[in-house]
Amino acid sequence: MKQTSIIMFGLMPNGSLRQANLKMLFERAKQYEKASFKGLFNFISFIDKLRKTSGDMSAAKLIGENEDVVRIMSIHKSKGLEFPVVILAGTGKGFNLQDLNDTILMHQDIGFGPKYIDFESRIEYNTLAKEAIRINAYIETLSEEMRILYVALTRAKEKLIITGIKKDAEKSLKEKENLLELYSNNNTSKINSLLIKKYKT
């Protein structure tokens, strides 16, 4: 500790982060020593490979999992974590389905799906193969989005707040209420429109 002056780094600006980064580098050095490679050149190559492939050499984290802070993260990053209160924002956005409109579609199982072009009439038609790939890709996209949504909805321990912007919200809400009435014999499943608060943007 005296030879490295690691304690002195704590007195510098962002000292705690500097110390944490040096400790992390020390741990990587111990990990390197357990391997068969030796020498400074190979160690630098080892660190460079970690940085490029696994992202394991990013700045050390100073905030613990139980710290009383607000965390902003993607749904993917939140997987496996739980929080007392979760705010799921931006739910009014649609899925990205732009790729399904490409001239040529490909699928690892179905194969190749081009458009058919009638040169005489100069009209393009979707082939059966392309339509099959488009439908399959659409289902796969929805399945993945539903999986991600499930992760987001199960991160909260006590309270989950979902925000989003929806055009004609009351009309859409009424449609959902009608659907719920079709699948339920009681009124407890109806969505109370008073729960939807309006905010000016």
N, C-alpha and C. Protein backbone atom coordinates (compact mmCIF):
# COMPACT_ATOMS: atom_id res chain seq x y z
N MET A 1 0.83 -1.20 0.00
CA MET A 1 0.00 0.00 0.00
C MET A 1 0.87 1.26 0.00
N LYS A 2 1.99 1.24 0.78
CA LYS A 2 2.87 2.40 0.83
C LYS A 2 3.60 2.59 -0.49
N GLN A 3 4.01 1.49 -1.12
CA GLN A 3 4.76 1.59 -2.36
C GLN A 3 3.91 2.14 -3.50
N THR A 4 2.66 1.79 -3.54
CA THR A 4 1.79 2.24 -4.63
C THR A 4 1.17 3.61 -4.36
N SER A 5 1.22 4.07 -3.11
CA SER A 5 0.61 5.36 -2.72
C SER A 5 -0.88 5.39 -3.03
N ILE A 6 -1.52 4.22 -2.95
CA ILE A 6 -2.94 4.15 -3.29
C ILE A 6 -3.80 4.96 -2.33
N ILE A 7 -3.32 5.10 -1.06
CA ILE A 7 -4.07 5.89 -0.09
C ILE A 7 -4.05 7.37 -0.48
N MET A 8 -2.91 7.83 -1.02
CA MET A 8 -2.79 9.23 -1.41
C MET A 8 -3.74 9.58 -2.55
N PHE A 9 -4.03 8.60 -3.40
CA PHE A 9 -4.95 8.86 -4.51
C PHE A 9 -6.34 9.24 -4.00
N GLY A 10 -6.65 8.78 -2.79
CA GLY A 10 -7.95 9.10 -2.22
C GLY A 10 -8.11 10.56 -1.86
N LEU A 11 -6.99 11.29 -1.75
CA LEU A 11 -7.03 12.70 -1.42
C LEU A 11 -7.17 13.58 -2.65
N MET A 12 -7.05 12.99 -3.82
CA MET A 12 -7.15 13.74 -5.07
C MET A 12 -8.62 13.90 -5.48
N PRO A 13 -8.90 14.78 -6.46
CA PRO A 13 -10.28 14.87 -6.98
C PRO A 13 -10.76 13.51 -7.48
N ASN A 14 -11.99 13.15 -7.16
CA ASN A 14 -12.54 11.82 -7.49
C ASN A 14 -11.66 10.72 -6.92
N GLY A 15 -11.15 10.97 -5.72
CA GLY A 15 -10.21 10.04 -5.11
C GLY A 15 -10.77 8.64 -4.90
N SER A 16 -12.01 8.56 -4.47
CA SER A 16 -12.61 7.24 -4.22
C SER A 16 -12.67 6.42 -5.50
N LEU A 17 -13.01 7.09 -6.61
CA LEU A 17 -13.07 6.39 -7.89
C LEU A 17 -11.68 5.96 -8.34
N ARG A 18 -10.67 6.82 -8.12
CA ARG A 18 -9.30 6.47 -8.48
C ARG A 18 -8.84 5.24 -7.70
N GLN A 19 -9.13 5.22 -6.41
CA GLN A 19 -8.75 4.07 -5.58
C GLN A 19 -9.45 2.80 -6.05
N ALA A 20 -10.75 2.93 -6.34
CA ALA A 20 -11.51 1.75 -6.79
C ALA A 20 -10.97 1.21 -8.10
N ASN A 21 -10.59 2.11 -9.01
CA ASN A 21 -10.03 1.67 -10.30
C ASN A 21 -8.69 0.97 -10.12
N LEU A 22 -7.85 1.49 -9.22
CA LEU A 22 -6.56 0.86 -8.97
C LEU A 22 -6.73 -0.52 -8.32
N LYS A 23 -7.69 -0.62 -7.41
CA LYS A 23 -7.95 -1.93 -6.79
C LYS A 23 -8.46 -2.92 -7.82
N MET A 24 -9.30 -2.44 -8.75
CA MET A 24 -9.80 -3.32 -9.80
C MET A 24 -8.65 -3.78 -10.70
N LEU A 25 -7.72 -2.87 -11.02
CA LEU A 25 -6.56 -3.24 -11.83
C LEU A 25 -5.70 -4.26 -11.10
N PHE A 26 -5.57 -4.10 -9.79
CA PHE A 26 -4.80 -5.05 -8.99
C PHE A 26 -5.43 -6.44 -9.04
N GLU A 27 -6.77 -6.50 -8.97
CA GLU A 27 -7.46 -7.79 -9.05
C GLU A 27 -7.25 -8.44 -10.41
N ARG A 28 -7.25 -7.64 -11.47
CA ARG A 28 -7.00 -8.19 -12.80
C ARG A 28 -5.56 -8.69 -12.92
N ALA A 29 -4.64 -8.01 -12.25
CA ALA A 29 -3.24 -8.46 -12.26
C ALA A 29 -3.10 -9.81 -11.57
N LYS A 30 -3.82 -10.00 -10.46
CA LYS A 30 -3.79 -11.30 -9.78
C LYS A 30 -4.39 -12.38 -10.66
N GLN A 31 -5.46 -12.02 -11.38
CA GLN A 31 -6.09 -12.96 -12.31
C GLN A 31 -5.11 -13.34 -13.42
N TYR A 32 -4.34 -12.36 -13.90
CA TYR A 32 -3.36 -12.61 -14.96
C TYR A 32 -2.24 -13.52 -14.48
N GLU A 33 -1.80 -13.31 -13.23
CA GLU A 33 -0.70 -14.10 -12.68
C GLU A 33 -1.04 -15.58 -12.57
N LYS A 34 -2.32 -15.89 -12.45
CA LYS A 34 -2.74 -17.29 -12.35
C LYS A 34 -2.65 -18.01 -13.69
N ALA A 35 -2.59 -17.24 -14.78
CA ALA A 35 -2.48 -17.84 -16.11
C ALA A 35 -1.03 -18.19 -16.41
N SER A 36 -0.82 -18.82 -17.55
CA SER A 36 0.53 -19.27 -17.92
C SER A 36 1.35 -18.16 -18.54
N PHE A 37 0.70 -17.06 -19.00
CA PHE A 37 1.44 -15.97 -19.64
C PHE A 37 2.13 -15.11 -18.58
N LYS A 38 3.31 -14.59 -18.94
CA LYS A 38 4.07 -13.74 -18.04
C LYS A 38 4.56 -12.51 -18.80
N GLY A 39 4.97 -11.49 -18.04
CA GLY A 39 5.58 -10.32 -18.66
C GLY A 39 4.62 -9.16 -18.83
N LEU A 40 5.20 -7.95 -18.88
CA LEU A 40 4.41 -6.73 -18.98
C LEU A 40 3.66 -6.64 -20.31
N PHE A 41 4.32 -7.02 -21.41
CA PHE A 41 3.68 -6.93 -22.72
C PHE A 41 2.41 -7.78 -22.78
N ASN A 42 2.53 -9.02 -22.30
CA ASN A 42 1.37 -9.91 -22.31
C ASN A 42 0.27 -9.42 -21.36
N PHE A 43 0.68 -8.78 -20.26
CA PHE A 43 -0.31 -8.25 -19.32
C PHE A 43 -1.11 -7.11 -19.96
N ILE A 44 -0.41 -6.23 -20.69
CA ILE A 44 -1.09 -5.14 -21.38
C ILE A 44 -2.05 -5.69 -22.43
N SER A 45 -1.61 -6.73 -23.13
CA SER A 45 -2.48 -7.37 -24.13
C SER A 45 -3.69 -8.00 -23.46
N PHE A 46 -3.47 -8.59 -22.28
CA PHE A 46 -4.55 -9.22 -21.51
C PHE A 46 -5.60 -8.18 -21.11
N ILE A 47 -5.15 -7.03 -20.61
CA ILE A 47 -6.06 -5.95 -20.20
C ILE A 47 -6.80 -5.39 -21.41
N ASP A 48 -6.07 -5.22 -22.51
CA ASP A 48 -6.68 -4.67 -23.73
C ASP A 48 -7.77 -5.60 -24.26
N LYS A 49 -7.53 -6.91 -24.17
CA LYS A 49 -8.52 -7.88 -24.63
C LYS A 49 -9.76 -7.84 -23.74
N LEU A 50 -9.56 -7.73 -22.42
CA LEU A 50 -10.70 -7.62 -21.51
C LEU A 50 -11.53 -6.38 -21.83
N ARG A 51 -10.85 -5.29 -22.09
CA ARG A 51 -11.55 -4.03 -22.36
C ARG A 51 -12.37 -4.10 -23.64
N LYS A 52 -11.85 -4.77 -24.66
CA LYS A 52 -12.52 -4.82 -25.96
C LYS A 52 -13.64 -5.86 -26.03
N THR A 53 -13.42 -7.01 -25.39
CA THR A 53 -14.37 -8.11 -25.55
C THR A 53 -15.47 -8.13 -24.51
N SER A 54 -15.11 -7.98 -23.25
CA SER A 54 -16.11 -8.15 -22.20
C SER A 54 -16.56 -6.86 -21.55
N GLY A 55 -15.87 -5.76 -21.84
CA GLY A 55 -16.22 -4.50 -21.18
C GLY A 55 -15.95 -4.55 -19.70
N ASP A 56 -15.07 -5.48 -19.27
CA ASP A 56 -14.83 -5.71 -17.86
C ASP A 56 -13.85 -4.70 -17.27
N MET A 57 -13.34 -3.80 -18.10
CA MET A 57 -12.38 -2.82 -17.61
C MET A 57 -12.98 -1.41 -17.58
N SER A 58 -14.28 -1.32 -17.51
CA SER A 58 -14.91 -0.01 -17.36
C SER A 58 -14.66 0.50 -15.95
N ALA A 59 -15.01 1.75 -15.71
CA ALA A 59 -14.76 2.35 -14.40
C ALA A 59 -15.44 1.55 -13.29
N ALA A 60 -14.76 1.45 -12.18
CA ALA A 60 -15.28 0.67 -11.06
C ALA A 60 -16.55 1.32 -10.51
N LYS A 61 -17.44 0.50 -9.97
CA LYS A 61 -18.69 0.99 -9.40
C LYS A 61 -18.47 1.32 -7.92
N LEU A 62 -18.90 2.53 -7.54
CA LEU A 62 -18.77 2.95 -6.15
C LEU A 62 -20.07 2.82 -5.38
N ILE A 63 -21.18 2.71 -6.09
CA ILE A 63 -22.50 2.64 -5.45
C ILE A 63 -22.89 1.19 -5.23
N GLY A 64 -23.23 0.84 -4.01
CA GLY A 64 -23.64 -0.51 -3.70
C GLY A 64 -25.06 -0.79 -4.16
N GLU A 65 -25.44 -2.06 -4.16
CA GLU A 65 -26.77 -2.44 -4.63
C GLU A 65 -27.87 -1.90 -3.73
N ASN A 66 -27.56 -1.67 -2.44
CA ASN A 66 -28.59 -1.25 -1.49
C ASN A 66 -28.54 0.25 -1.18
N GLU A 67 -27.78 1.02 -1.96
CA GLU A 67 -27.70 2.46 -1.73
C GLU A 67 -29.04 3.13 -2.01
N ASP A 68 -29.33 4.20 -1.25
CA ASP A 68 -30.58 4.94 -1.40
C ASP A 68 -30.42 5.97 -2.52
N VAL A 69 -30.50 5.51 -3.75
CA VAL A 69 -30.31 6.37 -4.91
C VAL A 69 -31.35 6.03 -5.98
N VAL A 70 -31.48 6.92 -6.95
CA VAL A 70 -32.34 6.66 -8.11
C VAL A 70 -31.46 6.11 -9.23
N ARG A 71 -31.80 4.96 -9.75
CA ARG A 71 -31.02 4.33 -10.81
C ARG A 71 -31.78 4.43 -12.12
N ILE A 72 -31.09 4.87 -13.16
CA ILE A 72 -31.66 4.91 -14.50
C ILE A 72 -30.96 3.85 -15.33
N MET A 73 -31.71 2.87 -15.81
CA MET A 73 -31.08 1.77 -16.55
C MET A 73 -32.06 1.20 -17.57
N SER A 74 -31.50 0.45 -18.51
CA SER A 74 -32.34 -0.23 -19.49
C SER A 74 -32.99 -1.44 -18.85
N ILE A 75 -34.00 -1.98 -19.51
CA ILE A 75 -34.67 -3.17 -18.99
C ILE A 75 -33.70 -4.35 -18.96
N HIS A 76 -32.84 -4.44 -19.97
CA HIS A 76 -31.86 -5.53 -20.02
C HIS A 76 -30.93 -5.48 -18.81
N LYS A 77 -30.49 -4.27 -18.43
CA LYS A 77 -29.58 -4.12 -17.29
C LYS A 77 -30.27 -4.44 -15.97
N SER A 78 -31.60 -4.29 -15.93
CA SER A 78 -32.32 -4.51 -14.68
C SER A 78 -32.64 -5.98 -14.42
N LYS A 79 -32.37 -6.83 -15.38
CA LYS A 79 -32.71 -8.25 -15.23
C LYS A 79 -32.01 -8.85 -14.01
N GLY A 80 -32.79 -9.52 -13.17
CA GLY A 80 -32.25 -10.13 -11.97
C GLY A 80 -32.23 -9.22 -10.76
N LEU A 81 -32.55 -7.94 -10.94
CA LEU A 81 -32.56 -6.97 -9.85
C LEU A 81 -33.99 -6.66 -9.43
N GLU A 82 -34.14 -6.18 -8.20
CA GLU A 82 -35.44 -5.76 -7.70
C GLU A 82 -35.29 -4.43 -6.98
N PHE A 83 -36.34 -3.61 -7.02
CA PHE A 83 -36.31 -2.29 -6.40
C PHE A 83 -37.66 -2.03 -5.73
N PRO A 84 -37.67 -1.22 -4.66
CA PRO A 84 -38.94 -0.92 -3.99
C PRO A 84 -39.95 -0.25 -4.93
N VAL A 85 -39.48 0.72 -5.70
CA VAL A 85 -40.34 1.45 -6.64
C VAL A 85 -39.68 1.46 -8.01
N VAL A 86 -40.46 1.15 -9.03
CA VAL A 86 -39.95 1.15 -10.41
C VAL A 86 -40.85 2.04 -11.27
N ILE A 87 -40.22 2.91 -12.06
CA ILE A 87 -40.95 3.73 -13.04
C ILE A 87 -40.57 3.24 -14.43
N LEU A 88 -41.53 2.69 -15.14
CA LEU A 88 -41.32 2.22 -16.50
C LEU A 88 -41.80 3.31 -17.45
N ALA A 89 -40.87 3.96 -18.13
CA ALA A 89 -41.21 5.13 -18.94
C ALA A 89 -41.20 4.80 -20.43
N GLY A 90 -41.86 5.67 -21.20
CA GLY A 90 -41.83 5.55 -22.65
C GLY A 90 -42.59 4.38 -23.22
N THR A 91 -43.64 3.95 -22.54
CA THR A 91 -44.38 2.77 -23.01
C THR A 91 -45.33 3.08 -24.16
N GLY A 92 -45.44 4.36 -24.52
CA GLY A 92 -46.31 4.72 -25.63
C GLY A 92 -45.68 4.52 -27.00
N LYS A 93 -44.40 4.21 -27.01
CA LYS A 93 -43.70 4.02 -28.29
C LYS A 93 -44.06 2.67 -28.90
N GLY A 94 -44.12 2.64 -30.22
CA GLY A 94 -44.42 1.40 -30.92
C GLY A 94 -43.17 0.54 -31.09
N PHE A 95 -43.37 -0.70 -31.47
CA PHE A 95 -42.24 -1.59 -31.74
C PHE A 95 -41.56 -1.19 -33.05
N ASN A 96 -40.28 -1.46 -33.14
CA ASN A 96 -39.53 -1.17 -34.36
C ASN A 96 -39.70 -2.33 -35.34
N LEU A 97 -40.57 -2.12 -36.32
CA LEU A 97 -40.86 -3.16 -37.32
C LEU A 97 -40.42 -2.74 -38.72
N GLN A 98 -39.52 -1.76 -38.79
CA GLN A 98 -39.09 -1.23 -40.08
C GLN A 98 -38.43 -2.30 -40.96
N ASP A 99 -37.69 -3.21 -40.32
CA ASP A 99 -36.99 -4.24 -41.10
C ASP A 99 -37.95 -5.14 -41.88
N LEU A 100 -39.18 -5.24 -41.43
CA LEU A 100 -40.14 -6.11 -42.11
C LEU A 100 -40.60 -5.54 -43.45
N ASN A 101 -40.25 -4.28 -43.70
CA ASN A 101 -40.64 -3.64 -44.95
C ASN A 101 -39.53 -3.65 -46.00
N ASP A 102 -38.41 -4.29 -45.69
CA ASP A 102 -37.30 -4.35 -46.65
C ASP A 102 -37.71 -5.11 -47.90
N THR A 103 -37.04 -4.81 -49.00
CA THR A 103 -37.34 -5.47 -50.27
C THR A 103 -37.07 -6.97 -50.20
N ILE A 104 -36.00 -7.33 -49.49
CA ILE A 104 -35.62 -8.73 -49.34
C ILE A 104 -35.54 -9.07 -47.85
N LEU A 105 -36.18 -10.16 -47.46
CA LEU A 105 -36.14 -10.63 -46.08
C LEU A 105 -35.44 -11.98 -46.03
N MET A 106 -34.72 -12.21 -44.93
CA MET A 106 -34.03 -13.48 -44.74
C MET A 106 -34.31 -14.02 -43.34
N HIS A 107 -34.39 -15.34 -43.25
CA HIS A 107 -34.63 -16.01 -41.97
C HIS A 107 -33.75 -17.25 -41.90
N GLN A 108 -33.18 -17.50 -40.74
CA GLN A 108 -32.23 -18.60 -40.62
C GLN A 108 -32.87 -19.97 -40.85
N ASP A 109 -34.16 -20.09 -40.62
CA ASP A 109 -34.83 -21.38 -40.82
C ASP A 109 -35.63 -21.42 -42.13
N ILE A 110 -36.33 -20.33 -42.43
CA ILE A 110 -37.19 -20.31 -43.62
C ILE A 110 -36.39 -20.08 -44.89
N GLY A 111 -35.40 -19.21 -44.80
CA GLY A 111 -34.55 -18.96 -45.96
C GLY A 111 -34.65 -17.56 -46.50
N PHE A 112 -34.78 -17.45 -47.82
CA PHE A 112 -34.67 -16.19 -48.56
C PHE A 112 -36.04 -15.78 -49.09
N GLY A 113 -36.43 -14.53 -48.83
CA GLY A 113 -37.75 -14.06 -49.27
C GLY A 113 -37.69 -12.76 -50.03
N PRO A 114 -37.58 -12.82 -51.35
CA PRO A 114 -37.54 -11.58 -52.15
C PRO A 114 -38.93 -11.15 -52.58
N LYS A 115 -39.01 -9.98 -53.17
CA LYS A 115 -40.24 -9.54 -53.81
C LYS A 115 -40.25 -10.02 -55.26
N TYR A 116 -41.45 -10.18 -55.81
CA TYR A 116 -41.58 -10.49 -57.24
C TYR A 116 -41.88 -9.19 -57.98
N ILE A 117 -41.12 -8.93 -59.02
CA ILE A 117 -41.29 -7.70 -59.80
C ILE A 117 -41.81 -8.04 -61.19
N ASP A 118 -42.96 -7.51 -61.52
CA ASP A 118 -43.53 -7.65 -62.86
C ASP A 118 -43.02 -6.47 -63.69
N PHE A 119 -42.05 -6.76 -64.56
CA PHE A 119 -41.41 -5.69 -65.31
C PHE A 119 -42.35 -5.05 -66.33
N GLU A 120 -43.31 -5.81 -66.81
CA GLU A 120 -44.23 -5.24 -67.81
C GLU A 120 -45.16 -4.21 -67.17
N SER A 121 -45.71 -4.57 -66.02
CA SER A 121 -46.62 -3.64 -65.35
C SER A 121 -45.89 -2.74 -64.35
N ARG A 122 -44.60 -3.09 -64.08
CA ARG A 122 -43.78 -2.34 -63.12
C ARG A 122 -44.42 -2.31 -61.73
N ILE A 123 -44.91 -3.45 -61.35
CA ILE A 123 -45.54 -3.59 -60.03
C ILE A 123 -44.79 -4.66 -59.24
N GLU A 124 -44.58 -4.40 -57.96
CA GLU A 124 -43.92 -5.36 -57.07
C GLU A 124 -44.96 -6.10 -56.25
N TYR A 125 -44.71 -7.40 -56.05
CA TYR A 125 -45.60 -8.23 -55.24
C TYR A 125 -44.77 -8.97 -54.20
N ASN A 126 -45.36 -9.16 -53.03
CA ASN A 126 -44.71 -10.00 -52.03
C ASN A 126 -44.85 -11.46 -52.42
N THR A 127 -43.75 -12.19 -52.40
CA THR A 127 -43.81 -13.62 -52.68
C THR A 127 -44.30 -14.36 -51.44
N LEU A 128 -44.68 -15.61 -51.62
CA LEU A 128 -45.14 -16.42 -50.50
C LEU A 128 -44.03 -16.58 -49.47
N ALA A 129 -42.79 -16.75 -49.97
CA ALA A 129 -41.65 -16.90 -49.06
C ALA A 129 -41.44 -15.65 -48.22
N LYS A 130 -41.53 -14.49 -48.86
CA LYS A 130 -41.33 -13.24 -48.12
C LYS A 130 -42.43 -13.03 -47.09
N GLU A 131 -43.66 -13.34 -47.46
CA GLU A 131 -44.78 -13.17 -46.53
C GLU A 131 -44.64 -14.10 -45.34
N ALA A 132 -44.17 -15.33 -45.60
CA ALA A 132 -43.96 -16.29 -44.51
C ALA A 132 -42.88 -15.79 -43.55
N ILE A 133 -41.79 -15.25 -44.11
CA ILE A 133 -40.71 -14.72 -43.27
C ILE A 133 -41.19 -13.50 -42.49
N ARG A 134 -41.97 -12.63 -43.15
CA ARG A 134 -42.46 -11.43 -42.49
C ARG A 134 -43.35 -11.77 -41.30
N ILE A 135 -44.25 -12.72 -41.49
CA ILE A 135 -45.15 -13.13 -40.40
C ILE A 135 -44.36 -13.77 -39.27
N ASN A 136 -43.41 -14.63 -39.63
CA ASN A 136 -42.60 -15.30 -38.62
C ASN A 136 -41.76 -14.30 -37.83
N ALA A 137 -41.15 -13.35 -38.55
CA ALA A 137 -40.32 -12.33 -37.88
C ALA A 137 -41.17 -11.44 -36.99
N TYR A 138 -42.40 -11.16 -37.41
CA TYR A 138 -43.31 -10.35 -36.61
C TYR A 138 -43.65 -11.05 -35.30
N ILE A 139 -43.93 -12.34 -35.39
CA ILE A 139 -44.25 -13.12 -34.18
C ILE A 139 -43.04 -13.19 -33.25
N GLU A 140 -41.86 -13.39 -33.82
CA GLU A 140 -40.64 -13.46 -33.01
C GLU A 140 -40.37 -12.12 -32.32
N THR A 141 -40.61 -11.02 -33.04
CA THR A 141 -40.40 -9.70 -32.46
C THR A 141 -41.36 -9.46 -31.30
N LEU A 142 -42.62 -9.81 -31.49
CA LEU A 142 -43.60 -9.65 -30.42
C LEU A 142 -43.25 -10.51 -29.21
N SER A 143 -42.79 -11.73 -29.46
CA SER A 143 -42.42 -12.63 -28.37
C SER A 143 -41.27 -12.04 -27.55
N GLU A 144 -40.28 -11.48 -28.25
CA GLU A 144 -39.14 -10.88 -27.56
C GLU A 144 -39.56 -9.64 -26.78
N GLU A 145 -40.42 -8.82 -27.37
CA GLU A 145 -40.90 -7.62 -26.68
C GLU A 145 -41.73 -7.99 -25.46
N MET A 146 -42.51 -9.05 -25.55
CA MET A 146 -43.30 -9.50 -24.40
C MET A 146 -42.40 -10.03 -23.29
N ARG A 147 -41.32 -10.70 -23.67
CA ARG A 147 -40.36 -11.19 -22.68
C ARG A 147 -39.71 -10.02 -21.95
N ILE A 148 -39.32 -8.99 -22.72
CA ILE A 148 -38.70 -7.81 -22.12
C ILE A 148 -39.69 -7.09 -21.21
N LEU A 149 -40.95 -7.00 -21.66
CA LEU A 149 -41.98 -6.36 -20.85
C LEU A 149 -42.19 -7.11 -19.54
N TYR A 150 -42.16 -8.43 -19.59
CA TYR A 150 -42.32 -9.23 -18.37
C TYR A 150 -41.21 -8.91 -17.38
N VAL A 151 -39.98 -8.79 -17.88
CA VAL A 151 -38.86 -8.43 -17.01
C VAL A 151 -39.11 -7.08 -16.35
N ALA A 152 -39.56 -6.11 -17.15
CA ALA A 152 -39.81 -4.76 -16.62
C ALA A 152 -40.91 -4.75 -15.57
N LEU A 153 -41.95 -5.52 -15.79
CA LEU A 153 -43.11 -5.51 -14.88
C LEU A 153 -42.86 -6.26 -13.59
N THR A 154 -41.79 -7.03 -13.52
CA THR A 154 -41.53 -7.84 -12.33
C THR A 154 -40.32 -7.35 -11.54
N ARG A 155 -39.86 -6.11 -11.78
CA ARG A 155 -38.71 -5.58 -11.04
C ARG A 155 -39.12 -4.89 -9.74
N ALA A 156 -40.38 -4.47 -9.63
CA ALA A 156 -40.82 -3.69 -8.47
C ALA A 156 -41.25 -4.59 -7.32
N LYS A 157 -40.79 -4.26 -6.11
CA LYS A 157 -41.20 -4.99 -4.91
C LYS A 157 -42.52 -4.44 -4.36
N GLU A 158 -42.68 -3.12 -4.39
CA GLU A 158 -43.83 -2.49 -3.75
C GLU A 158 -44.72 -1.71 -4.71
N LYS A 159 -44.11 -0.95 -5.61
CA LYS A 159 -44.91 -0.06 -6.45
C LYS A 159 -44.33 0.02 -7.86
N LEU A 160 -45.20 -0.10 -8.85
CA LEU A 160 -44.80 0.00 -10.26
C LEU A 160 -45.59 1.14 -10.91
N ILE A 161 -44.86 2.09 -11.49
CA ILE A 161 -45.47 3.23 -12.18
C ILE A 161 -45.14 3.12 -13.66
N ILE A 162 -46.17 3.11 -14.50
CA ILE A 162 -45.97 3.00 -15.95
C ILE A 162 -46.43 4.30 -16.60
N THR A 163 -45.56 4.91 -17.39
CA THR A 163 -45.90 6.16 -18.06
C THR A 163 -45.79 6.00 -19.57
N GLY A 164 -46.59 6.78 -20.28
CA GLY A 164 -46.55 6.74 -21.73
C GLY A 164 -47.54 7.72 -22.31
N ILE A 165 -47.36 8.05 -23.57
CA ILE A 165 -48.25 8.96 -24.27
C ILE A 165 -49.03 8.18 -25.32
N LYS A 166 -50.34 8.34 -25.31
CA LYS A 166 -51.19 7.61 -26.24
C LYS A 166 -52.21 8.55 -26.84
N LYS A 167 -52.28 8.60 -28.17
CA LYS A 167 -53.29 9.41 -28.83
C LYS A 167 -54.66 8.77 -28.63
N ASP A 168 -55.66 9.60 -28.43
CA ASP A 168 -57.03 9.11 -28.19
C ASP A 168 -57.05 8.10 -27.06
N ALA A 169 -56.45 8.49 -25.93
CA ALA A 169 -56.30 7.57 -24.80
C ALA A 169 -57.65 7.06 -24.28
N GLU A 170 -58.63 7.96 -24.20
CA GLU A 170 -59.94 7.55 -23.67
C GLU A 170 -60.62 6.54 -24.58
N LYS A 171 -60.50 6.76 -25.90
CA LYS A 171 -61.08 5.82 -26.86
C LYS A 171 -60.41 4.46 -26.76
N SER A 172 -59.08 4.48 -26.67
CA SER A 172 -58.33 3.23 -26.56
C SER A 172 -58.66 2.52 -25.26
N LEU A 173 -58.81 3.29 -24.18
CA LEU A 173 -59.15 2.71 -22.88
C LEU A 173 -60.51 2.05 -22.92
N LYS A 174 -61.47 2.69 -23.60
CA LYS A 174 -62.81 2.13 -23.71
C LYS A 174 -62.78 0.81 -24.48
N GLU A 175 -61.96 0.75 -25.52
CA GLU A 175 -61.83 -0.49 -26.30
C GLU A 175 -61.29 -1.61 -25.42
N LYS A 176 -60.30 -1.27 -24.57
CA LYS A 176 -59.72 -2.29 -23.68
C LYS A 176 -60.74 -2.75 -22.65
N GLU A 177 -61.56 -1.82 -22.16
CA GLU A 177 -62.61 -2.19 -21.21
C GLU A 177 -63.60 -3.16 -21.85
N ASN A 178 -63.96 -2.90 -23.09
CA ASN A 178 -64.90 -3.77 -23.80
C ASN A 178 -64.32 -5.17 -23.98
N LEU A 179 -63.01 -5.22 -24.27
CA LEU A 179 -62.35 -6.52 -24.41
C LEU A 179 -62.36 -7.29 -23.10
N LEU A 180 -62.09 -6.56 -22.01
CA LEU A 180 -62.08 -7.22 -20.70
C LEU A 180 -63.46 -7.76 -20.34
N GLU A 181 -64.50 -7.03 -20.73
CA GLU A 181 -65.86 -7.48 -20.45
C GLU A 181 -66.19 -8.77 -21.18
N LEU A 182 -65.58 -8.95 -22.35
CA LEU A 182 -65.81 -10.17 -23.11
C LEU A 182 -65.22 -11.39 -22.41
N TYR A 183 -64.11 -11.18 -21.68
CA TYR A 183 -63.40 -12.31 -21.06
C TYR A 183 -63.64 -12.42 -19.56
N SER A 184 -64.51 -11.58 -19.04
CA SER A 184 -64.76 -11.64 -17.60
C SER A 184 -66.25 -11.49 -17.32
N ASN A 185 -66.74 -12.16 -16.28
CA ASN A 185 -68.15 -12.11 -15.92
C ASN A 185 -68.43 -11.11 -14.80
N ASN A 186 -67.38 -10.48 -14.27
CA ASN A 186 -67.60 -9.51 -13.21
C ASN A 186 -67.01 -8.16 -13.62
N ASN A 187 -67.35 -7.14 -12.84
CA ASN A 187 -66.94 -5.78 -13.17
C ASN A 187 -65.63 -5.38 -12.51
N THR A 188 -65.05 -6.27 -11.72
CA THR A 188 -63.84 -5.90 -11.00
C THR A 188 -62.64 -5.79 -11.92
N SER A 189 -62.72 -6.39 -13.11
CA SER A 189 -61.58 -6.35 -14.02
C SER A 189 -61.58 -5.12 -14.91
N LYS A 190 -62.65 -4.31 -14.83
CA LYS A 190 -62.73 -3.13 -15.68
C LYS A 190 -61.68 -2.10 -15.26
N ILE A 191 -61.10 -1.44 -16.24
CA ILE A 191 -60.11 -0.42 -15.97
C ILE A 191 -60.84 0.87 -15.60
N ASN A 192 -60.49 1.42 -14.48
CA ASN A 192 -61.10 2.67 -14.05
C ASN A 192 -60.42 3.83 -14.77
N SER A 193 -61.17 4.55 -15.61
CA SER A 193 -60.59 5.63 -16.39
C SER A 193 -60.07 6.77 -15.52
N LEU A 194 -60.53 6.83 -14.27
CA LEU A 194 -60.05 7.87 -13.37
C LEU A 194 -58.60 7.65 -12.97
N LEU A 195 -58.11 6.44 -13.18
CA LEU A 195 -56.72 6.15 -12.85
C LEU A 195 -55.76 6.72 -13.88
N ILE A 196 -56.29 7.09 -15.04
CA ILE A 196 -55.45 7.66 -16.09
C ILE A 196 -55.42 9.17 -15.90
N LYS A 197 -54.28 9.68 -15.50
CA LYS A 197 -54.15 11.11 -15.27
C LYS A 197 -53.68 11.80 -16.54
N LYS A 198 -54.23 12.97 -16.79
CA LYS A 198 -53.85 13.73 -17.97
C LYS A 198 -52.84 14.81 -17.58
N TYR A 199 -51.77 14.85 -18.33
CA TYR A 199 -50.76 15.88 -18.12
C TYR A 199 -50.50 16.60 -19.44
N LYS A 200 -50.37 17.92 -19.39
CA LYS A 200 -50.04 18.68 -20.59
C LYS A 200 -48.56 18.52 -20.89
N THR A 201 -48.24 18.31 -22.18
CA THR A 201 -46.85 18.15 -22.57
C THR A 201 -46.44 19.28 -23.50
